[in-house]
Each structure stands twice: as C-alpha cells, then as structure tokens.
Amino acid sequence: MALLAEKTSLLNEAKLKEQEFREQIHMLEDQLKDFQRNYCVAPLGAHRHDEKVHTDSTVMKVSTEFEYLRNVMFEYMMGREMKTMAKVITTVLKFPEDQTQKILEREESRHLSWL
C-alpha cells in the first residue's frame, strides 16, 4: 500500500511539472510572437499587410539592402552619377515602369541642362 501511495505521489508531481512546462511553453510562444511582431521588418517595397514571419536571413538581407540603398542615396544626393543612381533607386524600390521612365527622363533633362 505504501508503494502505491508513493507512486501516486510521484505521478501527481509529474503531472504538476508537466502543467508547469505547458504554461511555460505558452508563455514563450507568446513572447516569440511579440518579438516577431515588434522586431522583424518587412522587405523593401512590401506592404504592412504582406508581412510574414521573417527568418534571421531575411532580416539580414533587408538590413544589407537598406545599407546598399542608403549608400546609393548618399551618392545620388551628392550629385554623383545621378542618372545611374536614379536607375538603381527605382529598381531597388520597385517603382512602376511609368514612374521609372518619368524619373529617368527628369534626370536626363537635368544632365542636358548642365551641358
């Protein structure tokens, strides 16, 4: 009889521990969801409603694209190779063809006015 009581007690302790683990899992899942919502960024050109869970490699890619775009914008704003930089900017930001054409025409007219 004592053995049965001991086994029952151990079983109850194990069930209690299992419940604690389940609660901890739910808490960690909630924290992960909050982290993903607050710290993951959408790729350039994506809309807020298009966001999905992003892996570290996606976040790193976006960070690299952002750094590249920042450098391109710097060169553009410094007046270096403006037409080339305009092409790069319209490509990276995925401008529609009609807007890209207007931007490139504007850059061409600026270039011709300097000559």
PDB file of N, CA and C in Angstrom:
ATOM      1  N   MET A   1       0.811  -1.190   0.000  1.00  0.00           N
ATOM      2  CA  MET A   1       0.000   0.000   0.000  1.00  0.00           C
ATOM      3  C   MET A   1       0.859   1.260   0.000  1.00  0.00           C
ATOM      4  N   ALA A   2       1.951   1.262   0.744  1.00  0.00           N
ATOM      5  CA  ALA A   2       2.851   2.410   0.809  1.00  0.00           C
ATOM      6  C   ALA A   2       3.484   2.672  -0.556  1.00  0.00           C
ATOM      7  N   LEU A   3       3.776   1.578  -1.268  1.00  0.00           N
ATOM      8  CA  LEU A   3       4.358   1.702  -2.602  1.00  0.00           C
ATOM      9  C   LEU A   3       3.379   2.371  -3.560  1.00  0.00           C
ATOM     10  N   LEU A   4       2.106   2.017  -3.459  1.00  0.00           N
ATOM     11  CA  LEU A   4       1.074   2.627  -4.303  1.00  0.00           C
ATOM     12  C   LEU A   4       0.944   4.116  -3.996  1.00  0.00           C
ATOM     13  N   ALA A   5       0.980   4.487  -2.751  1.00  0.00           N
ATOM     14  CA  ALA A   5       0.883   5.895  -2.344  1.00  0.00           C
ATOM     15  C   ALA A   5       2.088   6.678  -2.868  1.00  0.00           C
ATOM     16  N   GLU A   6       3.258   6.062  -2.787  1.00  0.00           N
ATOM     17  CA  GLU A   6       4.481   6.725  -3.278  1.00  0.00           C
ATOM     18  C   GLU A   6       4.410   6.940  -4.781  1.00  0.00           C
ATOM     19  N   LYS A   7       3.971   5.909  -5.519  1.00  0.00           N
ATOM     20  CA  LYS A   7       3.858   6.018  -6.980  1.00  0.00           C
ATOM     21  C   LYS A   7       2.799   7.058  -7.363  1.00  0.00           C
ATOM     22  N   THR A   8       1.704   7.098  -6.639  1.00  0.00           N
ATOM     23  CA  THR A   8       0.646   8.073  -6.897  1.00  0.00           C
ATOM     24  C   THR A   8       1.174   9.487  -6.662  1.00  0.00           C
ATOM     25  N   SER A   9       1.932   9.651  -5.612  1.00  0.00           N
ATOM     26  CA  SER A   9       2.526  10.957  -5.303  1.00  0.00           C
ATOM     27  C   SER A   9       3.499  11.382  -6.403  1.00  0.00           C
ATOM     28  N   LEU A  10       4.330  10.453  -6.858  1.00  0.00           N
ATOM     29  CA  LEU A  10       5.273  10.751  -7.937  1.00  0.00           C
ATOM     30  C   LEU A  10       4.535  11.097  -9.235  1.00  0.00           C
ATOM     31  N   LEU A  11       3.444  10.375  -9.495  1.00  0.00           N
ATOM     32  CA  LEU A  11       2.649  10.640 -10.684  1.00  0.00           C
ATOM     33  C   LEU A  11       2.026  12.039 -10.616  1.00  0.00           C
ATOM     34  N   ASN A  12       1.504  12.396  -9.465  1.00  0.00           N
ATOM     35  CA  ASN A  12       0.902  13.722  -9.286  1.00  0.00           C
ATOM     36  C   ASN A  12       1.946  14.829  -9.443  1.00  0.00           C
ATOM     37  N   GLU A  13       3.139  14.604  -8.903  1.00  0.00           N
ATOM     38  CA  GLU A  13       4.230  15.574  -9.062  1.00  0.00           C
ATOM     39  C   GLU A  13       4.609  15.721 -10.540  1.00  0.00           C
ATOM     40  N   ALA A  14       4.657  14.602 -11.250  1.00  0.00           N
ATOM     41  CA  ALA A  14       4.998  14.639 -12.673  1.00  0.00           C
ATOM     42  C   ALA A  14       3.931  15.380 -13.466  1.00  0.00           C
ATOM     43  N   LYS A  15       2.659  15.153 -13.135  1.00  0.00           N
ATOM     44  CA  LYS A  15       1.573  15.863 -13.805  1.00  0.00           C
ATOM     45  C   LYS A  15       1.643  17.363 -13.530  1.00  0.00           C
ATOM     46  N   LEU A  16       1.959  17.719 -12.300  1.00  0.00           N
ATOM     47  CA  LEU A  16       2.098  19.134 -11.945  1.00  0.00           C
ATOM     48  C   LEU A  16       3.260  19.766 -12.713  1.00  0.00           C
ATOM     49  N   LYS A  17       4.364  19.053 -12.785  1.00  0.00           N
ATOM     50  CA  LYS A  17       5.541  19.546 -13.517  1.00  0.00           C
ATOM     51  C   LYS A  17       5.204  19.689 -15.006  1.00  0.00           C
ATOM     52  N   GLU A  18       4.462  18.722 -15.556  1.00  0.00           N
ATOM     53  CA  GLU A  18       4.050  18.788 -16.959  1.00  0.00           C
ATOM     54  C   GLU A  18       3.201  20.030 -17.209  1.00  0.00           C
ATOM     55  N   GLN A  19       2.274  20.321 -16.294  1.00  0.00           N
ATOM     56  CA  GLN A  19       1.423  21.503 -16.438  1.00  0.00           C
ATOM     57  C   GLN A  19       2.267  22.780 -16.395  1.00  0.00           C
ATOM     58  N   GLU A  20       3.252  22.823 -15.513  1.00  0.00           N
ATOM     59  CA  GLU A  20       4.153  23.986 -15.443  1.00  0.00           C
ATOM     60  C   GLU A  20       4.907  24.159 -16.760  1.00  0.00           C
ATOM     61  N   PHE A  21       5.374  23.053 -17.338  1.00  0.00           N
ATOM     62  CA  PHE A  21       6.073  23.124 -18.622  1.00  0.00           C
ATOM     63  C   PHE A  21       5.148  23.612 -19.735  1.00  0.00           C
ATOM     64  N   ARG A  22       3.910  23.136 -19.749  1.00  0.00           N
ATOM     65  CA  ARG A  22       2.939  23.572 -20.761  1.00  0.00           C
ATOM     66  C   ARG A  22       2.697  25.085 -20.656  1.00  0.00           C
ATOM     67  N   GLU A  23       2.544  25.586 -19.421  1.00  0.00           N
ATOM     68  CA  GLU A  23       2.344  27.020 -19.217  1.00  0.00           C
ATOM     69  C   GLU A  23       3.577  27.807 -19.676  1.00  0.00           C
ATOM     70  N   GLN A  24       4.754  27.283 -19.391  1.00  0.00           N
ATOM     71  CA  GLN A  24       5.989  27.947 -19.816  1.00  0.00           C
ATOM     72  C   GLN A  24       6.093  27.960 -21.340  1.00  0.00           C
ATOM     73  N   ILE A  25       5.698  26.877 -21.985  1.00  0.00           N
ATOM     74  CA  ILE A  25       5.710  26.813 -23.454  1.00  0.00           C
ATOM     75  C   ILE A  25       4.785  27.875 -24.028  1.00  0.00           C
ATOM     76  N   HIS A  26       3.575  27.994 -23.482  1.00  0.00           N
ATOM     77  CA  HIS A  26       2.624  29.002 -23.966  1.00  0.00           C
ATOM     78  C   HIS A  26       3.169  30.418 -23.766  1.00  0.00           C
ATOM     79  N   MET A  27       3.795  30.653 -22.618  1.00  0.00           N
ATOM     80  CA  MET A  27       4.370  31.962 -22.345  1.00  0.00           C
ATOM     81  C   MET A  27       5.489  32.273 -23.348  1.00  0.00           C
ATOM     82  N   LEU A  28       6.343  31.310 -23.611  1.00  0.00           N
ATOM     83  CA  LEU A  28       7.437  31.507 -24.556  1.00  0.00           C
ATOM     84  C   LEU A  28       6.916  31.703 -25.986  1.00  0.00           C
ATOM     85  N   GLU A  29       5.865  30.978 -26.349  1.00  0.00           N
ATOM     86  CA  GLU A  29       5.263  31.168 -27.670  1.00  0.00           C
ATOM     87  C   GLU A  29       4.717  32.583 -27.813  1.00  0.00           C
ATOM     88  N   ASP A  30       4.068  33.085 -26.767  1.00  0.00           N
ATOM     89  CA  ASP A  30       3.553  34.454 -26.794  1.00  0.00           C
ATOM     90  C   ASP A  30       4.691  35.467 -26.906  1.00  0.00           C
ATOM     91  N   GLN A  31       5.761  35.246 -26.165  1.00  0.00           N
ATOM     92  CA  GLN A  31       6.915  36.147 -26.238  1.00  0.00           C
ATOM     93  C   GLN A  31       7.529  36.134 -27.631  1.00  0.00           C
ATOM     94  N   LEU A  32       7.604  34.965 -28.244  1.00  0.00           N
ATOM     95  CA  LEU A  32       8.148  34.848 -29.592  1.00  0.00           C
ATOM     96  C   LEU A  32       7.283  35.614 -30.584  1.00  0.00           C
ATOM     97  N   LYS A  33       5.962  35.472 -30.477  1.00  0.00           N
ATOM     98  CA  LYS A  33       5.054  36.210 -31.358  1.00  0.00           C
ATOM     99  C   LYS A  33       5.230  37.717 -31.186  1.00  0.00           C
ATOM    100  N   ASP A  34       5.348  38.172 -29.936  1.00  0.00           N
ATOM    101  CA  ASP A  34       5.571  39.603 -29.683  1.00  0.00           C
ATOM    102  C   ASP A  34       6.887  40.064 -30.287  1.00  0.00           C
ATOM    103  N   PHE A  35       7.917  39.255 -30.132  1.00  0.00           N
ATOM    104  CA  PHE A  35       9.218  39.602 -30.697  1.00  0.00           C
ATOM    105  C   PHE A  35       9.130  39.732 -32.209  1.00  0.00           C
ATOM    106  N   GLN A  36       8.492  38.769 -32.846  1.00  0.00           N
ATOM    107  CA  GLN A  36       8.375  38.792 -34.303  1.00  0.00           C
ATOM    108  C   GLN A  36       7.575  40.002 -34.759  1.00  0.00           C
ATOM    109  N   ARG A  37       6.529  40.338 -34.053  1.00  0.00           N
ATOM    110  CA  ARG A  37       5.700  41.480 -34.415  1.00  0.00           C
ATOM    111  C   ARG A  37       6.458  42.794 -34.249  1.00  0.00           C
ATOM    112  N   ASN A  38       7.272  42.899 -33.205  1.00  0.00           N
ATOM    113  CA  ASN A  38       7.926  44.162 -32.879  1.00  0.00           C
ATOM    114  C   ASN A  38       9.288  44.367 -33.523  1.00  0.00           C
ATOM    115  N   TYR A  39       9.995  43.295 -33.836  1.00  0.00           N
ATOM    116  CA  TYR A  39      11.375  43.450 -34.263  1.00  0.00           C
ATOM    117  C   TYR A  39      11.683  42.981 -35.662  1.00  0.00           C
ATOM    118  N   CYS A  40      10.791  42.270 -36.305  1.00  0.00           N
ATOM    119  CA  CYS A  40      11.043  41.815 -37.659  1.00  0.00           C
ATOM    120  C   CYS A  40      10.528  42.860 -38.628  1.00  0.00           C
ATOM    121  N   VAL A  41      11.280  43.101 -39.674  1.00  0.00           N
ATOM    122  CA  VAL A  41      10.909  44.137 -40.630  1.00  0.00           C
ATOM    123  C   VAL A  41      10.492  43.513 -41.938  1.00  0.00           C
ATOM    124  N   ALA A  42       9.677  44.244 -42.674  1.00  0.00           N
ATOM    125  CA  ALA A  42       9.256  43.784 -43.995  1.00  0.00           C
ATOM    126  C   ALA A  42      10.331  44.107 -45.006  1.00  0.00           C
ATOM    127  N   PRO A  43      10.485  43.278 -46.020  1.00  0.00           N
ATOM    128  CA  PRO A  43      11.430  43.599 -47.089  1.00  0.00           C
ATOM    129  C   PRO A  43      11.070  44.910 -47.753  1.00  0.00           C
ATOM    130  N   LEU A  44      12.066  45.576 -48.328  1.00  0.00           N
ATOM    131  CA  LEU A  44      11.819  46.837 -49.003  1.00  0.00           C
ATOM    132  C   LEU A  44      10.733  46.666 -50.040  1.00  0.00           C
ATOM    133  N   GLY A  45       9.814  47.595 -50.086  1.00  0.00           N
ATOM    134  CA  GLY A  45       8.739  47.543 -51.065  1.00  0.00           C
ATOM    135  C   GLY A  45       7.542  46.721 -50.624  1.00  0.00           C
ATOM    136  N   ALA A  46       7.635  46.002 -49.498  1.00  0.00           N
ATOM    137  CA  ALA A  46       6.499  45.204 -49.030  1.00  0.00           C
ATOM    138  C   ALA A  46       5.517  46.106 -48.295  1.00  0.00           C
ATOM    139  N   HIS A  47       4.272  45.714 -48.304  1.00  0.00           N
ATOM    140  CA  HIS A  47       3.254  46.468 -47.592  1.00  0.00           C
ATOM    141  C   HIS A  47       3.036  45.842 -46.232  1.00  0.00           C
ATOM    142  N   ARG A  48       2.536  46.601 -45.305  1.00  0.00           N
ATOM    143  CA  ARG A  48       2.333  46.146 -43.938  1.00  0.00           C
ATOM    144  C   ARG A  48       1.503  44.861 -43.897  1.00  0.00           C
ATOM    145  N   HIS A  49       0.453  44.768 -44.706  1.00  0.00           N
ATOM    146  CA  HIS A  49      -0.407  43.586 -44.671  1.00  0.00           C
ATOM    147  C   HIS A  49       0.239  42.372 -45.326  1.00  0.00           C
ATOM    148  N   ASP A  50       1.359  42.571 -46.010  1.00  0.00           N
ATOM    149  CA  ASP A  50       2.060  41.455 -46.646  1.00  0.00           C
ATOM    150  C   ASP A  50       3.081  40.809 -45.715  1.00  0.00           C
ATOM    151  N   GLU A  51       3.258  41.373 -44.510  1.00  0.00           N
ATOM    152  CA  GLU A  51       4.309  40.884 -43.631  1.00  0.00           C
ATOM    153  C   GLU A  51       4.049  39.447 -43.217  1.00  0.00           C
ATOM    154  N   LYS A  52       5.125  38.700 -43.127  1.00  0.00           N
ATOM    155  CA  LYS A  52       5.071  37.323 -42.654  1.00  0.00           C
ATOM    156  C   LYS A  52       6.165  37.182 -41.610  1.00  0.00           C
ATOM    157  N   VAL A  53       6.233  36.034 -40.981  1.00  0.00           N
ATOM    158  CA  VAL A  53       7.315  35.784 -40.044  1.00  0.00           C
ATOM    159  C   VAL A  53       8.611  35.740 -40.827  1.00  0.00           C
ATOM    160  N   HIS A  54       9.601  36.489 -40.376  1.00  0.00           N
ATOM    161  CA  HIS A  54      10.865  36.574 -41.100  1.00  0.00           C
ATOM    162  C   HIS A  54      11.951  35.822 -40.355  1.00  0.00           C
ATOM    163  N   THR A  55      12.762  35.126 -41.108  1.00  0.00           N
ATOM    164  CA  THR A  55      13.889  34.423 -40.524  1.00  0.00           C
ATOM    165  C   THR A  55      15.035  35.395 -40.346  1.00  0.00           C
ATOM    166  N   ASP A  56      16.059  34.975 -39.616  1.00  0.00           N
ATOM    167  CA  ASP A  56      17.232  35.825 -39.428  1.00  0.00           C
ATOM    168  C   ASP A  56      17.867  36.173 -40.759  1.00  0.00           C
ATOM    169  N   SER A  57      17.869  35.235 -41.711  1.00  0.00           N
ATOM    170  CA  SER A  57      18.498  35.508 -43.004  1.00  0.00           C
ATOM    171  C   SER A  57      17.723  36.573 -43.765  1.00  0.00           C
ATOM    172  N   THR A  58      16.399  36.592 -43.635  1.00  0.00           N
ATOM    173  CA  THR A  58      15.597  37.614 -44.297  1.00  0.00           C
ATOM    174  C   THR A  58      15.879  38.980 -43.690  1.00  0.00           C
ATOM    175  N   VAL A  59      15.924  39.041 -42.366  1.00  0.00           N
ATOM    176  CA  VAL A  59      16.211  40.304 -41.690  1.00  0.00           C
ATOM    177  C   VAL A  59      17.597  40.794 -42.090  1.00  0.00           C
ATOM    178  N   MET A  60      18.560  39.880 -42.165  1.00  0.00           N
ATOM    179  CA  MET A  60      19.908  40.251 -42.566  1.00  0.00           C
ATOM    180  C   MET A  60      19.921  40.769 -44.004  1.00  0.00           C
ATOM    181  N   LYS A  61      19.166  40.107 -44.895  1.00  0.00           N
ATOM    182  CA  LYS A  61      19.081  40.537 -46.288  1.00  0.00           C
ATOM    183  C   LYS A  61      18.490  41.934 -46.368  1.00  0.00           C
ATOM    184  N   VAL A  62      17.422  42.187 -45.611  1.00  0.00           N
ATOM    185  CA  VAL A  62      16.792  43.502 -45.606  1.00  0.00           C
ATOM    186  C   VAL A  62      17.774  44.541 -45.081  1.00  0.00           C
ATOM    187  N   SER A  63      18.506  44.201 -44.042  1.00  0.00           N
ATOM    188  CA  SER A  63      19.494  45.114 -43.490  1.00  0.00           C
ATOM    189  C   SER A  63      20.559  45.448 -44.538  1.00  0.00           C
ATOM    190  N   THR A  64      21.007  44.451 -45.285  1.00  0.00           N
ATOM    191  CA  THR A  64      22.001  44.661 -46.335  1.00  0.00           C
ATOM    192  C   THR A  64      21.429  45.522 -47.448  1.00  0.00           C
ATOM    193  N   GLU A  65      20.178  45.249 -47.840  1.00  0.00           N
ATOM    194  CA  GLU A  65      19.538  46.061 -48.873  1.00  0.00           C
ATOM    195  C   GLU A  65      19.391  47.502 -48.419  1.00  0.00           C
ATOM    196  N   PHE A  66      19.029  47.700 -47.161  1.00  0.00           N
ATOM    197  CA  PHE A  66      18.878  49.039 -46.628  1.00  0.00           C
ATOM    198  C   PHE A  66      20.214  49.780 -46.658  1.00  0.00           C
ATOM    199  N   GLU A  67      21.260  49.110 -46.224  1.00  0.00           N
ATOM    200  CA  GLU A  67      22.597  49.723 -46.229  1.00  0.00           C
ATOM    201  C   GLU A  67      23.004  50.110 -47.652  1.00  0.00           C
ATOM    202  N   TYR A  68      22.746  49.218 -48.607  1.00  0.00           N
ATOM    203  CA  TYR A  68      23.052  49.483 -50.013  1.00  0.00           C
ATOM    204  C   TYR A  68      22.266  50.692 -50.505  1.00  0.00           C
ATOM    205  N   LEU A  69      20.959  50.712 -50.207  1.00  0.00           N
ATOM    206  CA  LEU A  69      20.117  51.828 -50.633  1.00  0.00           C
ATOM    207  C   LEU A  69      20.575  53.130 -49.997  1.00  0.00           C
ATOM    208  N   ARG A  70      20.963  53.085 -48.743  1.00  0.00           N
ATOM    209  CA  ARG A  70      21.455  54.290 -48.063  1.00  0.00           C
ATOM    210  C   ARG A  70      22.695  54.822 -48.764  1.00  0.00           C
ATOM    211  N   ASN A  71      23.615  53.946 -49.132  1.00  0.00           N
ATOM    212  CA  ASN A  71      24.828  54.372 -49.830  1.00  0.00           C
ATOM    213  C   ASN A  71      24.506  54.941 -51.209  1.00  0.00           C
ATOM    214  N   VAL A  72      23.568  54.307 -51.908  1.00  0.00           N
ATOM    215  CA  VAL A  72      23.156  54.802 -53.227  1.00  0.00           C
ATOM    216  C   VAL A  72      22.530  56.185 -53.087  1.00  0.00           C
ATOM    217  N   MET A  73      21.660  56.344 -52.088  1.00  0.00           N
ATOM    218  CA  MET A  73      21.014  57.645 -51.863  1.00  0.00           C
ATOM    219  C   MET A  73      22.054  58.715 -51.531  1.00  0.00           C
ATOM    220  N   PHE A  74      23.051  58.361 -50.770  1.00  0.00           N
ATOM    221  CA  PHE A  74      24.112  59.305 -50.447  1.00  0.00           C
ATOM    222  C   PHE A  74      24.814  59.771 -51.720  1.00  0.00           C
ATOM    223  N   GLU A  75      25.194  58.819 -52.563  1.00  0.00           N
ATOM    224  CA  GLU A  75      25.863  59.167 -53.823  1.00  0.00           C
ATOM    225  C   GLU A  75      24.959  60.044 -54.687  1.00  0.00           C
ATOM    226  N   TYR A  76      23.686  59.704 -54.747  1.00  0.00           N
ATOM    227  CA  TYR A  76      22.722  60.472 -55.536  1.00  0.00           C
ATOM    228  C   TYR A  76      22.613  61.902 -55.000  1.00  0.00           C
ATOM    229  N   MET A  77      22.503  62.018 -53.697  1.00  0.00           N
ATOM    230  CA  MET A  77      22.340  63.338 -53.088  1.00  0.00           C
ATOM    231  C   MET A  77      23.616  64.176 -53.169  1.00  0.00           C
ATOM    232  N   MET A  78      24.738  63.527 -53.318  1.00  0.00           N
ATOM    233  CA  MET A  78      25.998  64.244 -53.505  1.00  0.00           C
ATOM    234  C   MET A  78      26.203  64.643 -54.971  1.00  0.00           C
ATOM    235  N   GLY A  79      25.278  64.222 -55.832  1.00  0.00           N
ATOM    236  CA  GLY A  79      25.337  64.606 -57.234  1.00  0.00           C
ATOM    237  C   GLY A  79      26.260  63.738 -58.072  1.00  0.00           C
ATOM    238  N   ARG A  80      26.593  62.563 -57.578  1.00  0.00           N
ATOM    239  CA  ARG A  80      27.482  61.669 -58.313  1.00  0.00           C
ATOM    240  C   ARG A  80      26.685  60.670 -59.127  1.00  0.00           C
ATOM    241  N   GLU A  81      26.965  60.599 -60.414  1.00  0.00           N
ATOM    242  CA  GLU A  81      26.333  59.621 -61.310  1.00  0.00           C
ATOM    243  C   GLU A  81      24.822  59.559 -61.066  1.00  0.00           C
ATOM    244  N   MET A  82      24.194  60.705 -61.160  1.00  0.00           N
ATOM    245  CA  MET A  82      22.791  60.804 -60.772  1.00  0.00           C
ATOM    246  C   MET A  82      21.870  59.920 -61.608  1.00  0.00           C
ATOM    247  N   LYS A  83      22.114  59.827 -62.906  1.00  0.00           N
ATOM    248  CA  LYS A  83      21.235  59.003 -63.740  1.00  0.00           C
ATOM    249  C   LYS A  83      21.385  57.523 -63.362  1.00  0.00           C
ATOM    250  N   THR A  84      22.608  57.081 -63.167  1.00  0.00           N
ATOM    251  CA  THR A  84      22.847  55.695 -62.776  1.00  0.00           C
ATOM    252  C   THR A  84      22.224  55.417 -61.409  1.00  0.00           C
ATOM    253  N   MET A  85      22.425  56.346 -60.474  1.00  0.00           N
ATOM    254  CA  MET A  85      21.868  56.166 -59.132  1.00  0.00           C
ATOM    255  C   MET A  85      20.335  56.172 -59.180  1.00  0.00           C
ATOM    256  N   ALA A  86      19.756  56.994 -60.051  1.00  0.00           N
ATOM    257  CA  ALA A  86      18.295  57.019 -60.203  1.00  0.00           C
ATOM    258  C   ALA A  86      17.799  55.662 -60.701  1.00  0.00           C
ATOM    259  N   LYS A  87      18.526  55.055 -61.625  1.00  0.00           N
ATOM    260  CA  LYS A  87      18.149  53.720 -62.116  1.00  0.00           C
ATOM    261  C   LYS A  87      18.195  52.692 -60.984  1.00  0.00           C
ATOM    262  N   VAL A  88      19.247  52.761 -60.196  1.00  0.00           N
ATOM    263  CA  VAL A  88      19.398  51.816 -59.083  1.00  0.00           C
ATOM    264  C   VAL A  88      18.268  52.009 -58.073  1.00  0.00           C
ATOM    265  N   ILE A  89      17.991  53.254 -57.728  1.00  0.00           N
ATOM    266  CA  ILE A  89      16.950  53.546 -56.740  1.00  0.00           C
ATOM    267  C   ILE A  89      15.594  53.042 -57.218  1.00  0.00           C
ATOM    268  N   THR A  90      15.261  53.315 -58.474  1.00  0.00           N
ATOM    269  CA  THR A  90      13.957  52.875 -58.986  1.00  0.00           C
ATOM    270  C   THR A  90      13.866  51.346 -59.038  1.00  0.00           C
ATOM    271  N   THR A  91      14.991  50.684 -59.243  1.00  0.00           N
ATOM    272  CA  THR A  91      14.997  49.223 -59.264  1.00  0.00           C
ATOM    273  C   THR A  91      14.843  48.653 -57.858  1.00  0.00           C
ATOM    274  N   VAL A  92      15.635  49.146 -56.926  1.00  0.00           N
ATOM    275  CA  VAL A  92      15.596  48.628 -55.559  1.00  0.00           C
ATOM    276  C   VAL A  92      14.229  48.868 -54.917  1.00  0.00           C
ATOM    277  N   LEU A  93      13.652  50.046 -55.185  1.00  0.00           N
ATOM    278  CA  LEU A  93      12.356  50.371 -54.587  1.00  0.00           C
ATOM    279  C   LEU A  93      11.170  49.894 -55.423  1.00  0.00           C
ATOM    280  N   LYS A  94      11.483  49.213 -56.517  1.00  0.00           N
ATOM    281  CA  LYS A  94      10.460  48.597 -57.376  1.00  0.00           C
ATOM    282  C   LYS A  94       9.406  49.599 -57.847  1.00  0.00           C
ATOM    283  N   PHE A  95       9.882  50.727 -58.377  1.00  0.00           N
ATOM    284  CA  PHE A  95       8.974  51.712 -58.950  1.00  0.00           C
ATOM    285  C   PHE A  95       8.281  51.099 -60.163  1.00  0.00           C
ATOM    286  N   PRO A  96       7.028  51.478 -60.406  1.00  0.00           N
ATOM    287  CA  PRO A  96       6.363  51.031 -61.637  1.00  0.00           C
ATOM    288  C   PRO A  96       7.075  51.621 -62.856  1.00  0.00           C
ATOM    289  N   GLU A  97       6.922  50.984 -63.990  1.00  0.00           N
ATOM    290  CA  GLU A  97       7.629  51.381 -65.213  1.00  0.00           C
ATOM    291  C   GLU A  97       7.354  52.838 -65.584  1.00  0.00           C
ATOM    292  N   ASP A  98       6.102  53.292 -65.477  1.00  0.00           N
ATOM    293  CA  ASP A  98       5.789  54.669 -65.868  1.00  0.00           C
ATOM    294  C   ASP A  98       6.499  55.685 -64.974  1.00  0.00           C
ATOM    295  N   GLN A  99       6.559  55.419 -63.673  1.00  0.00           N
ATOM    296  CA  GLN A  99       7.268  56.329 -62.772  1.00  0.00           C
ATOM    297  C   GLN A  99       8.772  56.281 -63.014  1.00  0.00           C
ATOM    298  N   THR A 100       9.286  55.096 -63.257  1.00  0.00           N
ATOM    299  CA  THR A 100      10.717  54.957 -63.563  1.00  0.00           C
ATOM    300  C   THR A 100      11.072  55.789 -64.790  1.00  0.00           C
ATOM    301  N   GLN A 101      10.251  55.697 -65.812  1.00  0.00           N
ATOM    302  CA  GLN A 101      10.507  56.435 -67.053  1.00  0.00           C
ATOM    303  C   GLN A 101      10.505  57.940 -66.794  1.00  0.00           C
ATOM    304  N   LYS A 102       9.553  58.432 -66.017  1.00  0.00           N
ATOM    305  CA  LYS A 102       9.489  59.864 -65.692  1.00  0.00           C
ATOM    306  C   LYS A 102      10.725  60.311 -64.930  1.00  0.00           C
ATOM    307  N   ILE A 103      11.145  59.494 -63.979  1.00  0.00           N
ATOM    308  CA  ILE A 103      12.331  59.837 -63.179  1.00  0.00           C
ATOM    309  C   ILE A 103      13.568  59.896 -64.069  1.00  0.00           C
ATOM    310  N   LEU A 104      13.732  58.899 -64.930  1.00  0.00           N
ATOM    311  CA  LEU A 104      14.910  58.865 -65.800  1.00  0.00           C
ATOM    312  C   LEU A 104      14.883  60.012 -66.812  1.00  0.00           C
ATOM    313  N   GLU A 105      13.704  60.353 -67.321  1.00  0.00           N
ATOM    314  CA  GLU A 105      13.595  61.500 -68.225  1.00  0.00           C
ATOM    315  C   GLU A 105      13.970  62.788 -67.496  1.00  0.00           C
ATOM    316  N   ARG A 106      13.536  62.916 -66.274  1.00  0.00           N
ATOM    317  CA  ARG A 106      13.878  64.105 -65.470  1.00  0.00           C
ATOM    318  C   ARG A 106      15.388  64.177 -65.251  1.00  0.00           C
ATOM    319  N   GLU A 107      16.010  63.066 -64.941  1.00  0.00           N
ATOM    320  CA  GLU A 107      17.464  63.051 -64.745  1.00  0.00           C
ATOM    321  C   GLU A 107      18.185  63.400 -66.044  1.00  0.00           C
ATOM    322  N   GLU A 108      17.677  62.899 -67.154  1.00  0.00           N
ATOM    323  CA  GLU A 108      18.286  63.201 -68.459  1.00  0.00           C
ATOM    324  C   GLU A 108      18.183  64.690 -68.753  1.00  0.00           C
ATOM    325  N   SER A 109      17.034  65.292 -68.460  1.00  0.00           N
ATOM    326  CA  SER A 109      16.871  66.745 -68.716  1.00  0.00           C
ATOM    327  C   SER A 109      17.781  67.559 -67.802  1.00  0.00           C
ATOM    328  N   ARG A 110      17.990  67.116 -66.579  1.00  0.00           N
ATOM    329  CA  ARG A 110      18.936  67.799 -65.677  1.00  0.00           C
ATOM    330  C   ARG A 110      20.343  67.730 -66.267  1.00  0.00           C
ATOM    331  N   HIS A 111      20.702  66.543 -66.750  1.00  0.00           N
ATOM    332  CA  HIS A 111      22.026  66.342 -67.309  1.00  0.00           C
ATOM    333  C   HIS A 111      22.239  67.240 -68.524  1.00  0.00           C
ATOM    334  N   LEU A 112      21.245  67.323 -69.394  1.00  0.00           N
ATOM    335  CA  LEU A 112      21.356  68.140 -70.591  1.00  0.00           C
ATOM    336  C   LEU A 112      21.401  69.635 -70.259  1.00  0.00           C
ATOM    337  N   SER A 113      20.747  70.049 -69.192  1.00  0.00           N
ATOM    338  CA  SER A 113      20.769  71.469 -68.823  1.00  0.00           C
ATOM    339  C   SER A 113      22.141  71.908 -68.334  1.00  0.00           C
ATOM    340  N   TRP A 114      22.964  70.967 -67.872  1.00  0.00           N
ATOM    341  CA  TRP A 114      24.313  71.297 -67.436  1.00  0.00           C
ATOM    342  C   TRP A 114      25.265  71.481 -68.611  1.00  0.00           C
ATOM    343  N   LEU A 115      24.908  70.897 -69.758  1.00  0.00           N
ATOM    344  CA  LEU A 115      25.796  70.962 -70.930  1.00  0.00           C
ATOM    345  C   LEU A 115      25.681  72.240 -71.686  1.00  0.00           C
TER     346      LEU A 115
END
